[in-house]
Amino acid sequence: MKWIKTILREIYGLFVDDGAFALAILIWLGLIGWIISRLDLSPAIVALIFFAGLALILIESTARYARRKR
């Protein structure tokens, strides 16, 4: 039974290295979906907001990782 747990943990690790990073992306996707459904924005504006949010999440995650490595 322990080997099944190990396999599942390894598979999870292949796709999710940083749980906070993955959670932030999922929350951002949910917020963008909510914003799109409620506001009448042009696709270009939505794409810009989407990209900016993901870029900020990536920058924060990278900075957090760099602080942890020092």
N, C-alpha and C. Protein backbone atom coordinates (compact mmCIF):
# COMPACT_ATOMS: atom_id res chain seq x y z
N MET A 1 0.82 -1.20 0.00
CA MET A 1 0.00 0.00 0.00
C MET A 1 0.86 1.26 0.00
N LYS A 2 2.02 1.18 0.64
CA LYS A 2 2.92 2.33 0.70
C LYS A 2 3.43 2.70 -0.70
N TRP A 3 3.62 1.70 -1.54
CA TRP A 3 4.13 1.97 -2.88
C TRP A 3 3.12 2.75 -3.71
N ILE A 4 1.83 2.54 -3.48
CA ILE A 4 0.81 3.30 -4.20
C ILE A 4 0.88 4.77 -3.80
N LYS A 5 1.04 5.01 -2.51
CA LYS A 5 1.16 6.38 -2.02
C LYS A 5 2.40 7.07 -2.61
N THR A 6 3.50 6.32 -2.70
CA THR A 6 4.73 6.87 -3.27
C THR A 6 4.54 7.21 -4.74
N ILE A 7 3.90 6.33 -5.48
CA ILE A 7 3.65 6.58 -6.90
C ILE A 7 2.77 7.81 -7.09
N LEU A 8 1.70 7.91 -6.31
CA LEU A 8 0.80 9.07 -6.43
C LEU A 8 1.52 10.36 -6.06
N ARG A 9 2.37 10.31 -5.05
CA ARG A 9 3.14 11.50 -4.66
C ARG A 9 4.09 11.92 -5.79
N GLU A 10 4.72 10.96 -6.44
CA GLU A 10 5.63 11.27 -7.54
C GLU A 10 4.87 11.86 -8.73
N ILE A 11 3.73 11.31 -9.04
CA ILE A 11 2.92 11.84 -10.15
C ILE A 11 2.47 13.26 -9.83
N TYR A 12 2.03 13.50 -8.60
CA TYR A 12 1.65 14.85 -8.18
C TYR A 12 2.84 15.79 -8.31
N GLY A 13 4.02 15.34 -7.90
CA GLY A 13 5.23 16.15 -7.98
C GLY A 13 5.64 16.50 -9.41
N LEU A 14 5.27 15.66 -10.36
CA LEU A 14 5.58 15.96 -11.76
C LEU A 14 4.84 17.21 -12.24
N PHE A 15 3.63 17.40 -11.74
CA PHE A 15 2.80 18.49 -12.23
C PHE A 15 2.74 19.68 -11.28
N VAL A 16 2.93 19.46 -10.01
CA VAL A 16 2.83 20.54 -9.03
C VAL A 16 4.09 20.53 -8.17
N ASP A 17 5.00 21.43 -8.48
CA ASP A 17 6.23 21.53 -7.69
C ASP A 17 6.02 22.47 -6.52
N ASP A 18 5.28 23.53 -6.74
CA ASP A 18 5.02 24.52 -5.71
C ASP A 18 3.51 24.66 -5.56
N GLY A 19 2.99 24.16 -4.46
CA GLY A 19 1.55 24.17 -4.25
C GLY A 19 0.95 25.57 -4.21
N ALA A 20 1.67 26.51 -3.59
CA ALA A 20 1.17 27.89 -3.51
C ALA A 20 1.09 28.52 -4.90
N PHE A 21 2.06 28.22 -5.74
CA PHE A 21 2.09 28.73 -7.11
C PHE A 21 0.89 28.19 -7.89
N ALA A 22 0.67 26.90 -7.79
CA ALA A 22 -0.46 26.28 -8.49
C ALA A 22 -1.79 26.82 -7.98
N LEU A 23 -1.91 26.98 -6.68
CA LEU A 23 -3.14 27.50 -6.10
C LEU A 23 -3.39 28.94 -6.54
N ALA A 24 -2.34 29.75 -6.58
CA ALA A 24 -2.48 31.14 -7.02
C ALA A 24 -2.96 31.20 -8.47
N ILE A 25 -2.43 30.33 -9.31
CA ILE A 25 -2.86 30.30 -10.72
C ILE A 25 -4.33 29.90 -10.81
N LEU A 26 -4.74 28.89 -10.06
CA LEU A 26 -6.15 28.47 -10.09
C LEU A 26 -7.08 29.57 -9.60
N ILE A 27 -6.68 30.26 -8.55
CA ILE A 27 -7.50 31.38 -8.05
C ILE A 27 -7.58 32.48 -9.10
N TRP A 28 -6.45 32.78 -9.74
CA TRP A 28 -6.43 33.82 -10.77
C TRP A 28 -7.34 33.44 -11.94
N LEU A 29 -7.30 32.18 -12.36
CA LEU A 29 -8.18 31.72 -13.44
C LEU A 29 -9.65 31.88 -13.05
N GLY A 30 -9.97 31.56 -11.80
CA GLY A 30 -11.34 31.73 -11.33
C GLY A 30 -11.77 33.19 -11.32
N LEU A 31 -10.88 34.06 -10.86
CA LEU A 31 -11.19 35.50 -10.85
C LEU A 31 -11.39 36.04 -12.26
N ILE A 32 -10.52 35.64 -13.17
CA ILE A 32 -10.65 36.11 -14.56
C ILE A 32 -11.96 35.61 -15.15
N GLY A 33 -12.30 34.36 -14.89
CA GLY A 33 -13.58 33.83 -15.37
C GLY A 33 -14.76 34.61 -14.83
N TRP A 34 -14.69 34.97 -13.56
CA TRP A 34 -15.76 35.75 -12.93
C TRP A 34 -15.83 37.15 -13.54
N ILE A 35 -14.67 37.77 -13.74
CA ILE A 35 -14.62 39.13 -14.32
C ILE A 35 -15.19 39.12 -15.73
N ILE A 36 -14.79 38.15 -16.53
CA ILE A 36 -15.25 38.09 -17.92
C ILE A 36 -16.77 37.92 -17.97
N SER A 37 -17.32 37.11 -17.08
CA SER A 37 -18.76 36.86 -17.12
C SER A 37 -19.58 38.07 -16.65
N ARG A 38 -18.99 38.96 -15.89
CA ARG A 38 -19.74 40.08 -15.32
C ARG A 38 -19.51 41.41 -16.04
N LEU A 39 -18.37 41.55 -16.67
CA LEU A 39 -18.05 42.81 -17.34
C LEU A 39 -17.97 42.60 -18.84
N ASP A 40 -18.27 43.63 -19.57
CA ASP A 40 -18.19 43.56 -21.03
C ASP A 40 -16.87 44.19 -21.47
N LEU A 41 -15.81 43.39 -21.41
CA LEU A 41 -14.49 43.88 -21.78
C LEU A 41 -14.08 43.30 -23.13
N SER A 42 -13.26 44.04 -23.83
CA SER A 42 -12.77 43.53 -25.11
C SER A 42 -11.79 42.39 -24.85
N PRO A 43 -11.68 41.47 -25.79
CA PRO A 43 -10.76 40.35 -25.62
C PRO A 43 -9.31 40.79 -25.40
N ALA A 44 -8.92 41.90 -26.00
CA ALA A 44 -7.55 42.38 -25.83
C ALA A 44 -7.31 42.81 -24.38
N ILE A 45 -8.28 43.47 -23.78
CA ILE A 45 -8.15 43.89 -22.38
C ILE A 45 -8.12 42.67 -21.46
N VAL A 46 -8.98 41.71 -21.73
CA VAL A 46 -9.00 40.48 -20.92
C VAL A 46 -7.66 39.77 -21.02
N ALA A 47 -7.12 39.67 -22.23
CA ALA A 47 -5.82 39.02 -22.42
C ALA A 47 -4.72 39.76 -21.67
N LEU A 48 -4.75 41.07 -21.70
CA LEU A 48 -3.75 41.87 -21.00
C LEU A 48 -3.85 41.66 -19.48
N ILE A 49 -5.05 41.68 -18.95
CA ILE A 49 -5.25 41.45 -17.52
C ILE A 49 -4.82 40.03 -17.14
N PHE A 50 -5.18 39.06 -17.97
CA PHE A 50 -4.81 37.67 -17.74
C PHE A 50 -3.29 37.51 -17.70
N PHE A 51 -2.60 38.07 -18.69
CA PHE A 51 -1.15 37.98 -18.75
C PHE A 51 -0.49 38.69 -17.58
N ALA A 52 -0.96 39.88 -17.25
CA ALA A 52 -0.37 40.65 -16.15
C ALA A 52 -0.49 39.89 -14.83
N GLY A 53 -1.63 39.30 -14.59
CA GLY A 53 -1.81 38.53 -13.35
C GLY A 53 -0.90 37.33 -13.28
N LEU A 54 -0.80 36.58 -14.38
CA LEU A 54 0.08 35.41 -14.39
C LEU A 54 1.54 35.83 -14.25
N ALA A 55 1.92 36.94 -14.88
CA ALA A 55 3.30 37.43 -14.75
C ALA A 55 3.61 37.81 -13.31
N LEU A 56 2.67 38.48 -12.65
CA LEU A 56 2.89 38.85 -11.24
C LEU A 56 2.97 37.62 -10.34
N ILE A 57 2.16 36.63 -10.60
CA ILE A 57 2.23 35.39 -9.83
C ILE A 57 3.58 34.72 -10.02
N LEU A 58 4.06 34.69 -11.26
CA LEU A 58 5.37 34.08 -11.54
C LEU A 58 6.50 34.85 -10.87
N ILE A 59 6.45 36.17 -10.92
CA ILE A 59 7.49 37.00 -10.28
C ILE A 59 7.49 36.77 -8.78
N GLU A 60 6.31 36.74 -8.17
CA GLU A 60 6.23 36.52 -6.72
C GLU A 60 6.76 35.14 -6.35
N SER A 61 6.42 34.14 -7.13
CA SER A 61 6.88 32.79 -6.84
C SER A 61 8.39 32.68 -6.99
N THR A 62 8.94 33.31 -8.01
CA THR A 62 10.38 33.30 -8.22
C THR A 62 11.10 34.02 -7.09
N ALA A 63 10.58 35.15 -6.67
CA ALA A 63 11.19 35.90 -5.56
C ALA A 63 11.13 35.09 -4.27
N ARG A 64 10.02 34.43 -4.03
CA ARG A 64 9.89 33.60 -2.83
C ARG A 64 10.88 32.45 -2.85
N TYR A 65 11.05 31.82 -4.01
CA TYR A 65 12.00 30.72 -4.16
C TYR A 65 13.43 31.21 -3.95
N ALA A 66 13.75 32.40 -4.48
CA ALA A 66 15.10 32.96 -4.33
C ALA A 66 15.40 33.28 -2.86
N ARG A 67 14.43 33.82 -2.15
CA ARG A 67 14.63 34.11 -0.72
C ARG A 67 14.84 32.83 0.08
N ARG A 68 14.14 31.79 -0.30
CA ARG A 68 14.24 30.51 0.40
C ARG A 68 15.60 29.86 0.18
N LYS A 69 16.22 30.09 -0.97
CA LYS A 69 17.50 29.48 -1.30
C LYS A 69 18.68 30.18 -0.64
N ARG A 70 18.50 31.38 -0.13
CA ARG A 70 19.62 32.10 0.50
C ARG A 70 19.93 31.57 1.84
